[in-house]
Structures are given as structure tokens and as C-alpha cells.
Amino acid sequence: MTKGVPDFREGQVSFDEDGHLERGKTPTVMNPNDKFALRAALQTKVRHGGNVTLLSMGPPGYEGILEEGMRDVYADDLVLVSDREFAAADTWATAITLGTAMEHMGEMPDIVFAGFKTADGETGHTGPQTCWCLDWPIVTHVISLDIDEEEGTLRAKRLVEGDVDEIETVEAPMPCFVVTDPDFEPSYRRAEHRLRLKDLREETKERAENFKDHLTMWDHEELNLDPDYVGLDGSPTIVSSVDPIPKAPAEREATMVTPEDEEGMESVMEELTPFVAGD
């Protein structure tokens, strides 16, 4: 699962009069934490096979978010649930929609991977709430994992809540839900896995050039979802107000120096030399 988040580098985040983010009018990128989840899915495919489907809910423009995930990390297929009825959903309404979309895929996945939290809301709720909808076991803050195919279980190392220095190893039966931590590091120790990874990355970059051929889109009617239970109408969360993030004041001054300015270049070298020497 992935989500698009405002590209704060653009400095153009748009809200409507009720304080809801207007995603269609805001430059958007793939949520950075979701890339760790996608890397975990890719590691699982490399080691054990299977198919990686990247799922998101959002406006039609989110096609670009899914293409970004396919191109920069990996995906076999892309699914976007998009409908005006889904607009302004909180995490609960989003979870209902995503869980329904997974069930609509036909064959349920063995593992659902989700990022730790998003760069905009930062609640960390959507993954666990979607898992609750599916009634699956969940493992959070995962930093490494492997699969026992014969036993049908997942073994993972996770950070213990409140103490990033303490790590525990847990097991969960599949199907299950995995929320990766930003400290997740994929591991490819065997040569065959590294070669497989190289081949898959090349394949997905070619696939991303025609990503729409691998994209499926569903609306609320195709998912048989009641509009009263999704989007704004299905969201118990009420936004009382939104305070724009103030732009930080610029405190640094810049002096332009050209290579032709010998005196200026000498001054720059004198200032930088102590840092190069490690002082």
C-alpha cells in the first residue's frame, strides 16, 4: 500500500474552506516511508517468488505515484481506487476502502506491506486499521524479515515500542500484515538473489515506461461500497482547523564567487581548508 503526500518542496499546498487538503491541486509525491514497505515486498519476491501489487487510494493523478513506485523500487501490477466519493476520507474510511479493494482482487495476498506513517498526517493508523478490517495478525516496526514457506509463517525482527535500541524477534502466521520501520534494510546475501534483484529491477524500469498497461482503477460502485461509509461521510474524524506551516526565515547569506575572481577564490579556500583537514 502507498499514499501520495504533498511535495512540500514545491511550497504550494492547497486547502479548501473546510480545511481539507485539496490533493488534486497540490503537487504530490510517493510517501517516503512507503518505499521501505515496497523494498520489503521486493525482497520477499526475490527470495520466495510471488507477485507484487502496489495499491493506493486517491485522485486520478495518483497514477503518477504508482508509476513512481514501480519505477524507483518495484511492482508487477498497480491498483488505484479513485472516486469523488472517497474524497476527504480519514484513516478509518480509507482503511475500509483499501481493505475492500484487497478483497476485490480475487486471490488475497499472503502479506500486505505498509509504511510506518505518512509525511502529511503522521498518524500511523491506516495500516493497522486496514489490518483490523481484514482480521489478520500484524507485525509493526519491522526492520528485517524472512518467510518459512513450509510452515506458512513470517519471522521478523522489530523495534520494541519506545526503545529503538531493543529488538525482538516475532513470528506470525500468513496471511499477515507488515508495517515496516524506516530502519528496514533489505538483505540479499546470496549471489542468486542479487542476480535476481538486478533482473527484476531492469524489468520493472521497462514496465514503468508503459505503466498504464499494468494499472487497474476501481470506483465505489465497482467495489460495491456504500458512499455513507467511505470518504468524508464515512469519516468520524472532524478537522477543526488547519494552520499553514510557516516558511522558515533565511538566516544564511551567500556570496557569489567566480573562478576568475582570484582573491575571492583564495578566501573561499582559506575558509574550507580547515574542514577538509578535519579541524
Protein backbone atom coordinates (compact mmCIF):
# COMPACT_ATOMS: atom_id res chain seq x y z
CA MET A 1 0.00 0.00 0.00
CA THR A 2 1.15 3.51 -0.69
CA LYS A 3 -0.11 7.05 -0.46
CA GLY A 4 0.68 10.31 -2.16
CA VAL A 5 1.76 13.15 0.12
CA PRO A 6 2.22 16.88 -0.56
CA ASP A 7 5.54 17.78 -2.08
CA PHE A 8 6.50 20.44 0.43
CA ARG A 9 9.47 21.37 -1.74
CA GLU A 10 7.01 22.95 -4.15
CA GLY A 11 5.56 25.20 -1.46
CA GLN A 12 2.05 25.03 -2.92
CA VAL A 13 -0.19 23.07 -0.55
CA SER A 14 -3.88 23.82 -1.21
CA PHE A 15 -6.74 23.54 1.32
CA ASP A 16 -10.46 24.07 0.81
CA GLU A 17 -12.61 26.31 3.03
CA ASP A 18 -13.31 23.41 5.40
CA GLY A 19 -9.63 22.74 6.00
CA HIS A 20 -9.40 19.62 3.83
CA LEU A 21 -6.31 19.13 1.70
CA GLU A 22 -7.13 19.55 -2.00
CA ARG A 23 -4.94 16.78 -3.34
CA GLY A 24 -5.89 17.38 -6.94
CA LYS A 25 -4.44 20.91 -6.71
CA THR A 26 -1.35 20.04 -4.63
CA PRO A 27 1.95 18.75 -6.09
CA THR A 28 2.27 15.19 -4.82
CA VAL A 29 4.99 12.56 -4.40
CA MET A 30 5.06 9.00 -3.09
CA ASN A 31 5.18 8.88 0.71
CA PRO A 32 8.85 8.24 1.60
CA ASN A 33 8.10 5.67 4.32
CA ASP A 34 6.11 3.56 1.85
CA LYS A 35 9.26 2.90 -0.14
CA PHE A 36 10.61 0.85 2.78
CA ALA A 37 7.48 -1.28 2.61
CA LEU A 38 7.88 -1.71 -1.13
CA ARG A 39 11.51 -2.74 -0.67
CA ALA A 40 10.37 -5.36 1.83
CA ALA A 41 7.89 -6.66 -0.74
CA LEU A 42 10.62 -6.78 -3.38
CA GLN A 43 12.96 -8.67 -1.02
CA THR A 44 10.19 -11.20 -0.40
CA LYS A 45 9.64 -11.68 -4.15
CA VAL A 46 13.37 -12.11 -4.80
CA ARG A 47 13.72 -14.77 -2.10
CA HIS A 48 10.40 -16.57 -2.42
CA GLY A 49 8.73 -15.58 -5.68
CA GLY A 50 5.20 -14.26 -5.97
CA ASN A 51 3.66 -11.11 -7.35
CA VAL A 52 3.92 -7.53 -6.03
CA THR A 53 0.82 -5.37 -6.44
CA LEU A 54 1.09 -1.71 -5.45
CA LEU A 55 -2.22 -0.31 -4.16
CA SER A 56 -3.27 3.27 -3.45
CA MET A 57 -6.41 5.36 -2.93
CA GLY A 58 -6.58 8.87 -4.32
CA PRO A 59 -7.47 11.11 -7.26
CA PRO A 60 -6.64 10.09 -10.85
CA GLY A 61 -3.36 12.00 -10.56
CA TYR A 62 -2.13 9.29 -8.22
CA GLU A 63 -1.33 7.27 -11.33
CA GLY A 64 1.98 9.11 -11.18
CA ILE A 65 2.55 7.98 -7.58
CA LEU A 66 2.09 4.35 -8.57
CA GLU A 67 4.35 4.80 -11.59
CA GLU A 68 6.98 6.29 -9.28
CA GLY A 69 6.80 3.25 -7.01
CA MET A 70 7.07 0.85 -9.95
CA ARG A 71 9.98 2.73 -11.49
CA ASP A 72 12.02 3.56 -8.36
CA VAL A 73 11.53 0.33 -6.39
CA TYR A 74 9.38 -2.43 -7.93
CA ALA A 75 5.85 -3.55 -8.80
CA ASP A 76 4.30 -6.15 -11.09
CA ASP A 77 0.84 -4.58 -11.05
CA LEU A 78 -0.75 -1.30 -9.96
CA VAL A 79 -4.20 -0.70 -8.47
CA LEU A 80 -5.74 2.71 -7.87
CA VAL A 81 -9.10 3.15 -6.16
CA SER A 82 -10.32 6.55 -7.23
CA ASP A 83 -13.70 8.20 -6.86
CA ARG A 84 -15.09 11.55 -5.68
CA GLU A 85 -16.99 9.56 -3.05
CA PHE A 86 -13.63 8.69 -1.45
CA ALA A 87 -12.59 12.34 -1.11
CA ALA A 88 -11.67 13.80 2.33
CA ALA A 89 -11.57 10.34 3.93
CA ASP A 90 -9.90 9.97 7.31
CA THR A 91 -7.79 6.92 8.14
CA TRP A 92 -10.80 4.79 9.09
CA ALA A 93 -12.73 5.41 5.87
CA THR A 94 -9.50 4.91 3.92
CA ALA A 95 -8.90 1.58 5.65
CA ILE A 96 -12.39 0.35 4.78
CA THR A 97 -11.82 1.26 1.14
CA LEU A 98 -8.38 -0.33 0.92
CA GLY A 99 -9.45 -3.50 2.70
CA THR A 100 -12.39 -3.85 0.32
CA ALA A 101 -10.10 -3.31 -2.67
CA MET A 102 -7.84 -6.15 -1.49
CA GLU A 103 -10.81 -8.48 -1.22
CA HIS A 104 -11.90 -7.37 -4.70
CA MET A 105 -8.59 -8.55 -6.17
CA GLY A 106 -9.84 -12.11 -6.10
CA GLU A 107 -6.94 -14.01 -4.60
CA MET A 108 -5.96 -12.43 -1.30
CA PRO A 109 -2.25 -11.66 -0.80
CA ASP A 110 -0.09 -13.63 1.63
CA ILE A 111 1.41 -10.42 3.05
CA VAL A 112 0.33 -6.79 2.94
CA PHE A 113 3.16 -4.30 3.41
CA ALA A 114 2.53 -0.75 4.61
CA GLY A 115 4.76 2.17 5.52
CA PHE A 116 5.24 3.37 9.09
CA LYS A 117 3.37 6.68 8.71
CA THR A 118 2.77 9.37 6.14
CA ALA A 119 4.61 12.66 5.84
CA ASP A 120 1.38 14.66 5.99
CA GLY A 121 -0.95 13.14 8.61
CA GLU A 122 1.71 11.18 10.55
CA THR A 123 -0.98 9.18 12.39
CA GLY A 124 0.34 5.72 11.51
CA HIS A 125 -3.27 4.49 11.67
CA THR A 126 -4.14 3.42 8.13
CA GLY A 127 -2.03 0.27 8.04
CA PRO A 128 -3.22 -1.17 11.38
CA GLN A 129 -6.84 -0.15 10.71
CA THR A 130 -6.78 -1.87 7.30
CA CYS A 131 -5.38 -4.94 9.01
CA TRP A 132 -8.24 -4.78 11.54
CA CYS A 133 -10.70 -4.77 8.64
CA LEU A 134 -9.11 -7.97 7.32
CA ASP A 135 -8.86 -9.55 10.81
CA TRP A 136 -5.23 -10.57 10.22
CA PRO A 137 -2.23 -10.65 12.56
CA ILE A 138 0.04 -7.62 12.29
CA VAL A 139 3.75 -7.01 12.93
CA THR A 140 4.87 -3.39 13.21
CA HIS A 141 8.22 -1.55 13.22
CA VAL A 142 9.78 -4.36 11.16
CA ILE A 143 13.47 -3.91 10.33
CA SER A 144 14.12 -7.34 8.74
CA LEU A 145 12.07 -10.39 7.81
CA ASP A 146 12.05 -13.80 6.21
CA ILE A 147 9.45 -16.40 5.25
CA ASP A 148 9.17 -20.09 6.15
CA GLU A 149 7.29 -21.36 3.12
CA GLU A 150 6.70 -24.86 4.50
CA GLU A 151 5.27 -23.59 7.79
CA GLY A 152 3.48 -20.67 6.18
CA THR A 153 4.89 -18.24 8.73
CA LEU A 154 6.70 -14.92 8.75
CA ARG A 155 9.63 -14.32 11.10
CA ALA A 156 10.57 -10.70 11.66
CA LYS A 157 12.85 -8.54 13.74
CA ARG A 158 11.12 -5.43 15.04
CA LEU A 159 11.97 -2.45 17.17
CA VAL A 160 10.37 -2.58 20.58
CA GLU A 161 7.98 0.31 21.15
CA GLY A 162 9.59 3.21 22.94
CA ASP A 163 13.12 1.83 22.73
CA VAL A 164 14.83 1.81 19.35
CA ASP A 165 17.86 0.05 20.88
CA GLU A 166 15.85 -3.04 21.82
CA ILE A 167 15.00 -5.54 19.08
CA GLU A 168 12.74 -8.57 19.38
CA THR A 169 12.10 -11.48 17.01
CA VAL A 170 8.47 -12.46 16.42
CA GLU A 171 6.58 -14.95 14.25
CA ALA A 172 3.18 -14.59 12.62
CA PRO A 173 1.09 -16.96 10.51
CA MET A 174 0.31 -15.89 6.97
CA PRO A 175 -1.66 -14.14 5.66
CA CYS A 176 -0.47 -11.24 7.77
CA PHE A 177 0.16 -7.51 7.74
CA VAL A 178 3.64 -5.96 7.98
CA VAL A 179 4.36 -2.32 8.82
CA THR A 180 7.98 -1.57 8.02
CA ASP A 181 10.11 0.80 10.07
CA PRO A 182 12.30 3.45 8.40
CA ASP A 183 15.25 1.39 9.69
CA PHE A 184 14.25 -1.54 7.47
CA GLU A 185 17.19 -2.76 5.38
CA PRO A 186 16.66 -5.35 2.62
CA SER A 187 19.20 -8.16 2.61
CA TYR A 188 20.48 -10.10 -0.41
CA ARG A 189 23.37 -12.21 0.85
CA ARG A 190 23.16 -15.00 -1.73
CA ALA A 191 24.58 -14.39 -5.20
CA GLU A 192 21.47 -15.83 -6.86
CA HIS A 193 19.34 -13.31 -5.00
CA ARG A 194 21.50 -10.39 -6.06
CA LEU A 195 21.31 -11.53 -9.68
CA ARG A 196 17.55 -11.98 -9.41
CA LEU A 197 17.24 -8.49 -7.91
CA LYS A 198 19.22 -6.99 -10.79
CA ASP A 199 16.98 -8.70 -13.36
CA LEU A 200 13.77 -7.62 -11.62
CA ARG A 201 14.87 -4.00 -11.32
CA GLU A 202 15.66 -3.89 -15.03
CA GLU A 203 12.30 -5.48 -15.86
CA THR A 204 10.29 -3.05 -13.74
CA LYS A 205 12.01 0.01 -15.22
CA GLU A 206 10.96 -1.18 -18.68
CA ARG A 207 7.46 -1.93 -17.38
CA ALA A 208 7.18 1.56 -15.88
CA GLU A 209 7.58 3.11 -19.32
CA ASN A 210 4.12 1.73 -20.14
CA PHE A 211 2.78 1.56 -16.59
CA LYS A 212 -0.82 2.21 -17.62
CA ASP A 213 -0.85 -1.22 -19.26
CA HIS A 214 -0.41 -2.66 -15.76
CA LEU A 215 -2.81 -0.29 -13.96
CA THR A 216 -6.31 -1.17 -12.74
CA MET A 217 -8.72 1.50 -11.45
CA TRP A 218 -11.87 0.94 -9.38
CA ASP A 219 -14.55 3.32 -8.13
CA HIS A 220 -17.04 2.86 -5.26
CA GLU A 221 -19.59 1.14 -7.49
CA GLU A 222 -17.11 -1.45 -8.73
CA LEU A 223 -16.09 -2.13 -5.13
CA ASN A 224 -19.77 -2.21 -4.05
CA LEU A 225 -19.09 0.38 -1.33
CA ASP A 226 -21.85 2.45 0.23
CA PRO A 227 -20.94 6.17 -0.05
CA ASP A 228 -22.24 6.68 3.50
CA TYR A 229 -19.34 4.59 4.83
CA VAL A 230 -16.44 5.97 2.82
CA GLY A 231 -14.97 9.38 2.08
CA LEU A 232 -15.99 12.35 4.18
CA ASP A 233 -19.42 10.90 5.09
CA GLY A 234 -17.79 7.76 6.49
CA SER A 235 -15.10 9.60 8.43
CA PRO A 236 -15.63 10.10 12.18
CA THR A 237 -12.65 12.47 12.32
CA ILE A 238 -13.55 16.17 12.25
CA VAL A 239 -10.95 18.76 11.21
CA SER A 240 -11.48 21.83 13.38
CA SER A 241 -8.78 23.95 11.77
CA VAL A 242 -5.58 23.84 9.76
CA ASP A 243 -2.59 26.04 10.45
CA PRO A 244 -0.30 26.56 7.44
CA ILE A 245 3.33 25.68 8.07
CA PRO A 246 5.26 28.96 8.16
CA LYS A 247 8.23 29.30 5.88
CA ALA A 248 11.45 29.29 7.83
CA PRO A 249 13.33 32.59 7.68
CA ALA A 250 16.51 32.58 5.65
CA GLU A 251 19.42 33.20 8.00
CA ARG A 252 22.31 32.45 5.67
CA GLU A 253 23.95 34.89 3.30
CA ALA A 254 25.53 33.84 0.03
CA THR A 255 28.43 35.49 -1.77
CA MET A 256 28.87 34.70 -5.43
CA VAL A 257 32.47 33.90 -6.44
CA THR A 258 33.61 33.11 -9.99
CA PRO A 259 36.79 31.19 -10.93
CA GLU A 260 38.13 34.39 -12.46
CA ASP A 261 38.00 36.14 -9.07
CA GLU A 262 41.38 35.06 -7.68
CA GLU A 263 41.03 36.99 -4.41
CA GLY A 264 37.54 35.62 -3.85
CA MET A 265 38.64 32.03 -4.59
CA GLU A 266 41.55 32.34 -2.17
CA SER A 267 39.14 33.50 0.53
CA VAL A 268 36.87 30.50 -0.10
CA MET A 269 39.82 28.08 0.02
CA GLU A 270 41.06 29.55 3.29
CA GLU A 271 37.60 29.08 4.82
CA LEU A 272 37.13 25.50 3.59
CA THR A 273 40.64 24.10 4.15
CA PRO A 274 40.19 23.53 7.94
CA PHE A 275 37.12 21.39 7.26
CA VAL A 276 38.94 19.29 4.66
CA ALA A 277 41.69 18.69 7.21
CA GLY A 278 39.16 17.56 9.78
CA ASP A 279 39.59 20.50 12.15
